[in-house]
Protein backbone atom coordinates (compact mmCIF):
# COMPACT_ATOMS: atom_id res chain seq x y z
CA MET A 1 13.87 15.67 -42.28
CA ASP A 2 16.60 18.12 -42.92
CA ARG A 3 19.18 19.37 -40.40
CA LYS A 4 17.60 22.71 -39.50
CA LEU A 5 14.31 21.02 -38.71
CA LYS A 6 15.98 18.36 -36.55
CA ARG A 7 17.86 21.09 -34.60
CA PHE A 8 14.63 23.08 -34.12
CA LEU A 9 12.70 20.07 -32.71
CA ILE A 10 15.72 19.30 -30.29
CA LYS A 11 15.66 22.98 -29.14
CA SER A 12 11.84 22.62 -28.61
CA PHE A 13 12.19 19.51 -26.53
CA ALA A 14 14.90 21.11 -24.52
CA VAL A 15 12.66 24.20 -23.79
CA LEU A 16 9.73 21.60 -22.68
CA ALA A 17 12.28 19.85 -20.38
CA VAL A 18 13.19 23.15 -18.67
CA ILE A 19 9.55 23.86 -18.19
CA HIS A 20 8.75 20.51 -16.74
CA LEU A 21 11.78 20.80 -14.61
CA ALA A 22 10.46 24.17 -13.17
CA TYR A 23 7.13 22.59 -12.46
CA PHE A 24 8.73 19.72 -10.69
CA ILE A 25 10.66 22.13 -8.38
CA TYR A 26 7.38 24.06 -7.84
CA GLY A 27 5.57 20.84 -6.80
CA TYR A 28 8.50 19.90 -4.57
CA ILE A 29 8.61 23.41 -2.78
CA LYS A 30 4.69 23.52 -2.54
CA PHE A 31 4.24 20.15 -0.71
CA GLU A 32 2.52 20.95 2.58
CA GLY A 33 3.93 18.09 4.69
CA ILE A 34 2.41 14.91 5.92
CA LYS A 35 0.54 16.70 8.72
CA LYS A 36 -1.63 18.14 6.09
CA ILE A 37 -2.36 14.71 4.47
CA ASP A 38 -5.98 13.33 4.89
CA ILE A 39 -8.30 10.86 2.98
CA TYR A 40 -9.01 13.52 0.18
CA THR A 41 -5.29 14.15 -0.60
CA GLU A 42 -4.30 13.18 -4.20
CA PHE A 43 -1.62 14.24 -6.52
CA TYR A 44 -2.43 17.23 -8.59
CA ARG A 45 -5.72 16.80 -10.66
CA PHE A 46 -5.81 19.98 -12.75
CA LYS A 47 -8.52 22.09 -11.00
CA PHE A 48 -8.87 24.97 -13.60
CA TYR A 49 -8.81 27.69 -11.01
CA ASP A 50 -5.59 27.63 -9.05
CA ASP A 51 -2.18 28.83 -9.82
CA VAL A 52 -0.92 25.66 -11.25
CA SER A 53 -3.78 25.28 -13.72
CA ILE A 54 -3.84 28.95 -14.70
CA SER A 55 0.04 29.05 -15.26
CA HIS A 56 -0.22 25.78 -17.12
CA VAL A 57 -2.75 27.09 -19.66
CA PHE A 58 -0.89 30.23 -20.08
CA VAL A 59 2.73 28.57 -20.52
CA SER A 60 1.40 25.81 -22.75
CA GLY A 61 -0.53 28.30 -25.00
CA LEU A 62 2.50 30.53 -25.15
CA PHE A 63 4.93 27.64 -25.99
CA LEU A 64 2.68 26.28 -28.64
CA PHE A 65 1.96 29.68 -30.18
CA PHE A 66 5.67 30.34 -30.79
CA PHE A 67 6.51 26.75 -31.63
CA ILE A 68 3.95 26.71 -34.52
CA ILE A 69 4.97 30.21 -35.77
CA PHE A 70 8.59 29.08 -36.04
CA LEU A 71 7.76 25.70 -37.41
CA LEU A 72 5.56 27.11 -40.25
CA ARG A 73 7.74 30.14 -41.08
CA ASN A 74 11.12 28.44 -41.25
CA HIS A 75 10.59 24.51 -41.55
CA SER A 76 7.59 24.09 -43.83
CA LYS A 77 8.98 24.55 -47.22
CA LYS A 78 10.82 21.31 -47.90
CA LYS A 79 9.21 18.31 -49.84
CA TYR A 80 9.07 15.15 -47.83
CA LYS A 81 7.92 11.70 -48.35
CA LEU A 82 4.90 10.25 -46.86
CA SER A 83 6.91 8.24 -44.40
CA GLN A 84 8.87 11.41 -43.45
CA LYS A 85 5.67 13.31 -42.82
CA LEU A 86 4.33 10.52 -40.75
CA GLY A 87 7.55 10.77 -38.72
CA ILE A 88 6.95 14.50 -38.24
CA GLY A 89 3.48 13.79 -37.31
CA ILE A 90 4.67 11.37 -34.41
CA ILE A 91 7.03 14.12 -33.27
CA LEU A 92 4.24 16.68 -33.12
CA LEU A 93 2.14 14.18 -31.36
CA LEU A 94 5.04 14.04 -28.57
CA ILE A 95 5.25 17.84 -28.53
CA SER A 96 1.49 18.17 -27.93
CA PHE A 97 1.77 15.40 -25.17
CA PHE A 98 4.67 17.07 -23.37
CA SER A 99 3.37 20.79 -23.70
CA LEU A 100 0.16 19.75 -21.82
CA THR A 101 1.62 17.66 -19.00
CA PHE A 102 3.42 20.09 -16.84
CA PHE A 103 0.88 19.27 -14.06
CA ILE A 104 2.13 15.80 -14.09
CA SER A 105 5.67 16.86 -13.36
CA TYR A 106 4.29 19.03 -10.69
CA SER A 107 2.80 15.81 -9.20
CA PHE A 108 6.17 14.11 -9.40
CA GLY A 109 7.64 17.00 -7.38
CA LEU A 110 4.83 16.59 -4.69
CA ASN A 111 5.75 12.81 -4.65
CA ALA A 112 9.52 13.49 -4.44
CA LYS A 113 8.98 15.94 -1.47
CA LEU A 114 6.68 13.29 0.20
CA ARG A 115 9.26 10.61 0.05
CA THR A 116 11.98 13.04 1.18
CA GLU A 117 10.00 13.91 4.29
CA LEU A 118 8.77 10.39 4.83
CA PRO A 119 11.09 7.69 3.27
CA GLU A 120 9.54 4.30 2.92
CA LYS A 121 11.75 2.79 5.52
CA ASN A 122 10.35 5.17 8.11
CA LEU A 123 6.70 4.67 6.94
CA ASN A 124 7.32 0.93 7.55
CA LYS A 125 8.84 1.56 10.99
CA ASP A 126 5.58 3.51 11.82
CA LYS A 127 3.55 0.78 10.47
CA THR A 128 5.45 -1.91 12.48
CA LEU A 129 4.95 0.13 15.67
CA LEU A 130 1.16 0.38 15.07
CA ASN A 131 0.95 -3.19 14.33
CA ILE A 132 2.74 -4.29 17.50
CA LEU A 133 0.64 -1.96 19.66
CA GLN A 134 -2.63 -2.41 17.97
CA PRO A 135 -4.34 -4.47 20.65
CA PHE A 136 -3.60 -1.90 23.13
CA LEU A 137 -5.34 0.81 21.14
CA TYR A 138 -8.87 -0.31 20.45
CA ASN A 139 -11.86 1.56 22.03
CA TYR A 140 -12.82 -0.39 25.20
CA THR A 141 -16.02 -1.66 23.61
CA SER A 142 -14.08 -3.68 21.06
CA TYR A 143 -12.46 -5.81 23.68
CA SER A 144 -15.81 -7.81 23.89
CA SER A 145 -15.50 -8.83 20.23
CA GLU A 146 -14.92 -12.63 19.91
CA ASN A 147 -13.66 -12.06 16.27
CA LEU A 148 -10.71 -9.91 17.50
CA PHE A 149 -10.00 -11.56 20.71
CA ASN A 150 -10.07 -15.33 20.91
CA PRO A 151 -7.35 -18.05 21.77
CA GLU A 152 -6.97 -19.05 18.02
CA ASN A 153 -5.34 -15.65 17.55
CA ILE A 154 -2.44 -16.41 19.85
CA LEU A 155 0.61 -16.96 17.74
CA TYR A 156 3.45 -17.20 20.41
CA PRO A 157 4.81 -18.78 22.56
CA LYS A 158 4.61 -22.62 22.33
CA PRO A 159 2.15 -24.48 22.33
CA TYR A 160 0.47 -21.68 20.42
CA PRO A 161 -1.15 -21.20 17.94
CA VAL A 162 -4.07 -23.66 18.75
CA ILE A 163 -7.06 -24.70 16.92
CA GLU A 164 -10.54 -24.86 18.41
CA GLN A 165 -12.81 -27.92 18.50
CA ARG A 166 -16.36 -27.43 19.43
CA ASP A 167 -18.37 -30.36 20.75
CA THR A 168 -22.13 -30.39 21.33
CA LEU A 169 -23.35 -31.84 24.54
CA TYR A 170 -27.01 -32.91 25.02
CA TYR A 171 -28.52 -32.98 28.37
CA ASP A 172 -31.01 -35.52 27.37
CA PRO A 173 -29.95 -37.80 24.44
CA ASP A 174 -33.66 -38.39 23.63
CA ASN A 175 -34.33 -34.51 23.58
CA LYS A 176 -32.09 -32.67 21.11
CA GLU A 177 -33.55 -29.26 22.00
CA TYR A 178 -31.56 -28.94 25.08
CA TYR A 179 -27.80 -28.91 24.71
CA THR A 180 -24.72 -26.84 25.17
CA THR A 181 -21.53 -26.37 23.36
CA GLU A 182 -18.04 -26.97 24.75
CA SER A 183 -14.70 -25.55 23.14
CA ASN A 184 -11.50 -27.42 23.43
CA TYR A 185 -8.21 -26.24 22.11
CA TYR A 186 -5.32 -28.18 20.79
CA SER A 187 -1.84 -27.23 19.66
CA ILE A 188 -1.25 -27.35 15.88
CA ASP A 189 1.82 -29.71 15.44
CA THR A 190 3.71 -30.96 12.34
CA LEU A 191 5.07 -34.49 11.78
CA THR A 192 7.11 -35.20 8.75
CA MET A 193 7.82 -38.93 7.73
CA LEU A 194 8.75 -40.90 4.65
CA SER A 195 5.73 -41.54 2.51
CA ALA A 196 6.54 -45.33 2.57
CA ASP A 197 6.35 -45.23 6.43
CA HIS A 198 2.98 -43.26 6.50
CA LYS A 199 0.89 -46.33 6.15
CA LYS A 200 3.09 -48.35 8.49
CA ILE A 201 4.19 -46.18 11.57
CA ASN A 202 7.87 -47.03 12.49
CA ASN A 203 9.27 -47.21 15.97
CA LYS A 204 10.75 -43.57 15.91
CA THR A 205 7.42 -42.15 14.87
CA LYS A 206 5.68 -44.21 17.57
CA LEU A 207 7.96 -42.70 20.15
CA VAL A 208 6.96 -39.19 19.01
CA LEU A 209 3.29 -40.02 19.21
CA ASP A 210 3.72 -41.42 22.70
CA LEU A 211 5.24 -38.29 23.85
CA LEU A 212 2.15 -36.57 22.50
CA GLY A 213 -0.13 -38.98 24.21
CA LEU A 214 -1.47 -40.32 20.78
CA ASP A 215 -1.45 -43.52 18.84
CA ASP A 216 -1.54 -43.98 15.12
CA LYS A 217 -5.28 -44.40 15.01
CA GLU A 218 -5.82 -41.22 17.22
CA LEU A 219 -3.43 -39.31 14.91
CA GLU A 220 -5.55 -40.24 11.93
CA LYS A 221 -8.71 -38.66 13.51
CA ARG A 222 -6.64 -35.47 14.51
CA ILE A 223 -5.16 -34.81 10.97
CA ILE A 224 -5.76 -31.28 9.76
CA SER A 225 -3.96 -31.65 6.42
CA LYS A 226 -1.43 -33.74 4.58
CA LYS A 227 1.08 -32.63 2.12
CA GLU A 228 3.50 -34.58 -0.13
CA ILE A 229 7.02 -33.03 -0.22
CA GLY A 230 9.41 -35.07 -2.37
CA ASP A 231 9.42 -38.67 -1.03
CA SER A 232 8.02 -37.51 2.34
CA THR A 233 4.56 -36.80 3.85
CA GLN A 234 4.10 -33.68 6.00
CA ILE A 235 1.18 -34.08 8.38
CA VAL A 236 -0.39 -31.18 10.27
CA PHE A 237 -2.47 -32.35 13.09
CA LYS A 238 -4.18 -31.53 16.45
CA GLY A 239 -1.59 -32.08 19.21
CA ALA A 240 -1.88 -31.76 22.93
CA GLU A 241 -4.96 -30.13 24.50
CA VAL A 242 -4.14 -26.71 25.57
CA HIS A 243 -6.05 -24.57 28.16
CA PRO A 244 -5.69 -20.82 27.25
CA GLU A 245 -8.28 -19.82 29.85
CA TYR A 246 -6.07 -21.10 32.51
CA ASP A 247 -2.86 -19.91 31.11
CA ASP A 248 -1.30 -17.11 33.42
CA LYS A 249 0.89 -15.86 30.47
CA MET A 250 -2.08 -15.43 28.15
CA CYS A 251 -3.92 -12.11 28.50
CA ILE A 252 -6.47 -10.54 26.10
CA PHE A 253 -3.81 -8.25 24.58
CA LEU A 254 -2.18 -11.28 22.96
CA GLU A 255 -5.44 -12.67 21.51
CA ASN A 256 -5.44 -10.57 18.46
CA LYS A 257 -3.19 -11.36 15.39
CA PHE A 258 -4.70 -8.75 13.09
CA LEU A 259 -2.43 -6.00 11.42
CA PHE A 260 -3.19 -2.15 11.76
CA PHE A 261 -1.64 -1.86 8.33
CA PRO A 262 0.42 -4.59 6.64
CA LEU A 263 3.83 -3.66 5.14
CA HIS A 264 4.42 -4.29 1.45
CA GLY A 265 6.46 -7.13 0.17
CA ILE A 266 6.44 -9.08 3.43
CA PRO A 267 3.94 -12.03 3.99
CA GLU A 268 1.23 -11.02 6.33
CA GLN A 269 1.73 -14.36 8.25
CA LYS A 270 5.19 -13.43 8.92
CA GLN A 271 4.54 -10.12 10.12
CA GLN A 272 1.67 -11.40 12.38
CA TYR A 273 4.05 -13.88 13.89
CA GLN A 274 6.81 -11.21 14.40
CA ASN A 275 4.52 -8.70 16.07
CA ALA A 276 3.08 -11.37 18.33
CA VAL A 277 6.69 -12.24 19.47
CA LYS A 278 7.42 -8.54 20.24
CA ARG A 279 4.09 -7.96 21.84
CA TYR A 280 4.61 -11.02 24.11
CA ASN A 281 8.20 -9.84 25.10
CA LEU A 282 6.87 -6.25 25.98
CA LEU A 283 4.26 -7.99 28.22
CA TYR A 284 5.96 -10.78 29.85
CA LYS A 285 9.76 -10.70 29.26
CA TYR A 286 10.85 -6.99 29.32
CA SER A 287 10.44 -4.40 32.09
CA GLN A 288 7.52 -1.98 32.00
CA ASP A 289 9.89 0.56 30.84
CA SER A 290 10.05 -1.23 27.35
CA LEU A 291 6.20 -0.88 26.99
CA LEU A 292 6.51 2.80 28.18
CA SER A 293 8.97 3.58 25.71
CA SER A 294 6.87 2.05 22.91
CA PHE A 295 3.90 4.25 24.03
CA GLN A 296 6.23 7.31 24.15
CA LYS A 297 7.23 6.58 20.56
CA LEU A 298 3.53 6.21 19.71
CA ASP A 299 2.91 9.69 21.11
CA VAL A 300 5.58 11.03 18.78
CA LEU A 301 4.07 9.24 15.87
CA PHE A 302 0.70 10.89 16.67
CA LYS A 303 2.40 14.36 16.77
CA LYS A 304 4.34 13.70 13.51
CA TYR A 305 0.94 12.81 11.61
CA ASN A 306 -1.07 15.39 13.28
CA ILE A 307 -3.34 12.92 15.05
CA GLU A 308 -5.53 14.24 18.01
CA SER A 309 -4.59 12.17 21.21
CA GLN A 310 -5.32 12.18 24.88
CA ILE A 311 -2.83 9.24 25.48
CA VAL A 312 -0.50 9.74 28.36
CA PRO A 313 2.09 6.85 27.92
CA LYS A 314 2.56 6.43 31.80
CA GLU A 315 -1.13 5.97 32.34
CA LEU A 316 -1.72 3.74 29.42
CA THR A 317 1.22 1.65 30.48
CA LYS A 318 -0.27 1.19 33.87
CA ASP A 319 -3.58 0.35 32.36
CA VAL A 320 -2.15 -2.50 30.22
CA PHE A 321 -0.20 -4.18 33.08
CA TYR A 322 -3.27 -3.87 35.36
CA TYR A 323 -5.48 -5.74 32.82
CA ARG A 324 -2.71 -8.09 32.11
CA ASP A 325 -2.76 -9.18 35.68
CA HIS A 326 -6.58 -9.10 36.01
CA ARG A 327 -7.61 -11.46 33.35
CA ASN A 328 -11.08 -11.92 34.82
CA GLU A 329 -12.01 -8.33 35.29
CA PRO A 330 -13.93 -6.80 32.48
CA LEU A 331 -11.89 -4.26 30.41
CA ASN A 332 -14.21 -1.26 30.68
CA GLU A 333 -11.59 1.57 30.94
CA ILE A 334 -8.36 2.02 29.31
CA ARG A 335 -6.78 5.38 28.72
CA ASN A 336 -6.06 5.16 25.05
CA THR A 337 -8.30 7.90 23.44
CA TYR A 338 -7.10 9.22 20.11
CA GLU A 339 -8.69 9.85 16.68
CA ARG A 340 -8.74 6.30 15.31
CA GLY A 341 -10.61 7.06 12.09
CA GLN A 342 -8.16 9.86 11.52
CA LEU A 343 -5.15 7.71 11.91
CA LYS A 344 -6.60 4.99 9.62
CA ASP A 345 -7.48 7.36 6.92
CA LYS A 346 -3.94 8.98 6.97
CA PHE A 347 -2.34 5.56 6.47
CA VAL A 348 -4.88 4.56 3.83
CA THR A 349 -3.82 7.81 1.76
CA LEU A 350 -0.20 7.36 2.43
CA ASP A 351 -0.37 3.85 1.11
CA ARG A 352 -2.14 5.03 -1.87
CA LEU A 353 0.36 7.70 -2.47
CA PHE A 354 3.31 5.44 -2.09
CA TYR A 355 2.26 2.40 -3.91
CA LYS A 356 -0.63 3.38 -6.17
CA PRO A 357 0.15 7.06 -7.08
CA ASN A 358 -2.50 8.57 -9.56
CA TYR A 359 -0.87 11.33 -11.67
CA LEU A 360 -3.63 11.60 -14.08
CA HIS A 361 -6.91 11.91 -12.20
CA PRO A 362 -9.74 9.65 -13.68
CA SER A 363 -12.10 12.83 -13.82
CA ILE A 364 -9.87 14.42 -16.54
CA VAL A 365 -8.63 11.42 -18.43
CA GLY A 366 -11.10 11.80 -21.29
CA PHE A 367 -10.53 15.61 -21.39
CA PHE A 368 -6.83 15.30 -21.34
CA ILE A 369 -6.68 12.77 -24.15
CA SER A 370 -9.01 14.84 -26.33
CA ALA A 371 -6.84 17.98 -25.64
CA VAL A 372 -3.71 16.24 -26.55
CA LEU A 373 -5.14 14.83 -29.83
CA GLY A 374 -6.97 18.14 -30.63
CA VAL A 375 -3.65 20.02 -30.29
CA TRP A 376 -1.79 17.51 -32.34
CA LEU A 377 -4.40 17.53 -35.21
CA ILE A 378 -4.15 21.33 -35.28
CA LEU A 379 -0.53 21.35 -35.43
CA PHE A 380 -0.21 18.56 -37.95
CA LEU A 381 -2.90 19.89 -40.20
CA LEU A 382 -1.39 23.43 -39.98
CA TYR A 383 1.98 21.95 -40.98
CA LEU A 384 0.73 19.96 -43.96
CA ILE A 385 -1.30 22.90 -45.29
CA TRP A 386 1.68 25.32 -44.88
CA ASN A 387 3.97 22.83 -46.42
CA PHE A 388 1.73 22.22 -49.44
CA ARG A 389 1.08 25.93 -49.78
CA ASN A 390 4.72 26.81 -49.77
CA ARG A 391 5.65 24.19 -52.20
CA LYS A 392 2.94 25.34 -54.54
CA LEU A 393 4.05 28.94 -54.27
CA SER A 394 7.59 27.82 -54.91
CA SER A 395 6.47 25.67 -57.92
CA ASP A 396 4.43 28.84 -59.38
CA SER A 397 7.42 31.01 -58.97
CA PHE A 398 9.70 28.48 -60.54
CA LYS A 399 7.29 28.36 -63.63
CA GLY A 400 7.06 32.01 -63.76
CA ASP A 401 10.94 32.28 -63.98
CA GLU A 402 10.97 29.78 -66.82
CA GLN A 403 8.46 31.71 -68.91
CA MET A 404 10.52 34.90 -68.63
């Protein structure tokens, strides 16, 4: 490949870089903000009828038109080896690809503006706030769900979490049709001992079991799991019996460990526990102003994401503390009305845009690959034809000069 052709190709790539930068800036400017994001939002998918698509076709066509003219006119007369021609073919494939991907740079611009307006750190703060406050935000009909609200979901304070043990009680031992079930809850405790002492309980371990009201035989019955760690055995077992239904510090708002939307890169169990601690503190350790402040932040969050809401932080705070202190009263009214589906859809979309960005929509993948290969094939064939034609003309001219 001669120097002139190399310089021409470098200049061509430079022009393409400038055009890509222009589309990136255009995408950055055109981003409409997180308020406009909904479940249908995606990065640019080439729609064939808007300003980006129309300009893309025009700019790509104009660039390729002048590129092929200058290539054939000024750089197709040299004789190259097969390997050199294949190298030129690869470069032309890159030219084809970069001249048809301006819309991808436009998408990168949209993504850059999204991350400028909503950095990942701020998104995680918003997720954390919603994870902490989630049990206060359900529709009131959800508070009767045993799946969401049950003592096994309580993660803090000690002796929680607990495990449920259901026993069947028969009214008549001879008649199995009449029975009832009884639920008992036990703390989940951990005991670590040397594996050698596992079969033969030593005095120190006996003291621990005595404090829990267990003997070694009862311990064997209550074992949940065993795990070998080096030369030690870790035993997870059902400890002391716990009575959540009579615990004054256990209201329905603590009986839910599920996350509104998990943070990336942090184990969900760790998030659940941290949120449980913060939620407990808001309900039982801090003043009511702390929960009020959290709901005020929530109100700001709704406005930030353009979520319709009728929540009044002061009223919702009163409702929460009322139902905290009236555990046996059915929760049939709590003033927490907002567009739940809209908020969930917003974060589903944001999570996708942040962590699974799709710059080349599946609906156009086949068309895009075909277009790139088609443009490349035309460019390469035209170059080979012109190169062969010019060399033939040059050869004929040289023979004519010799005959004269």
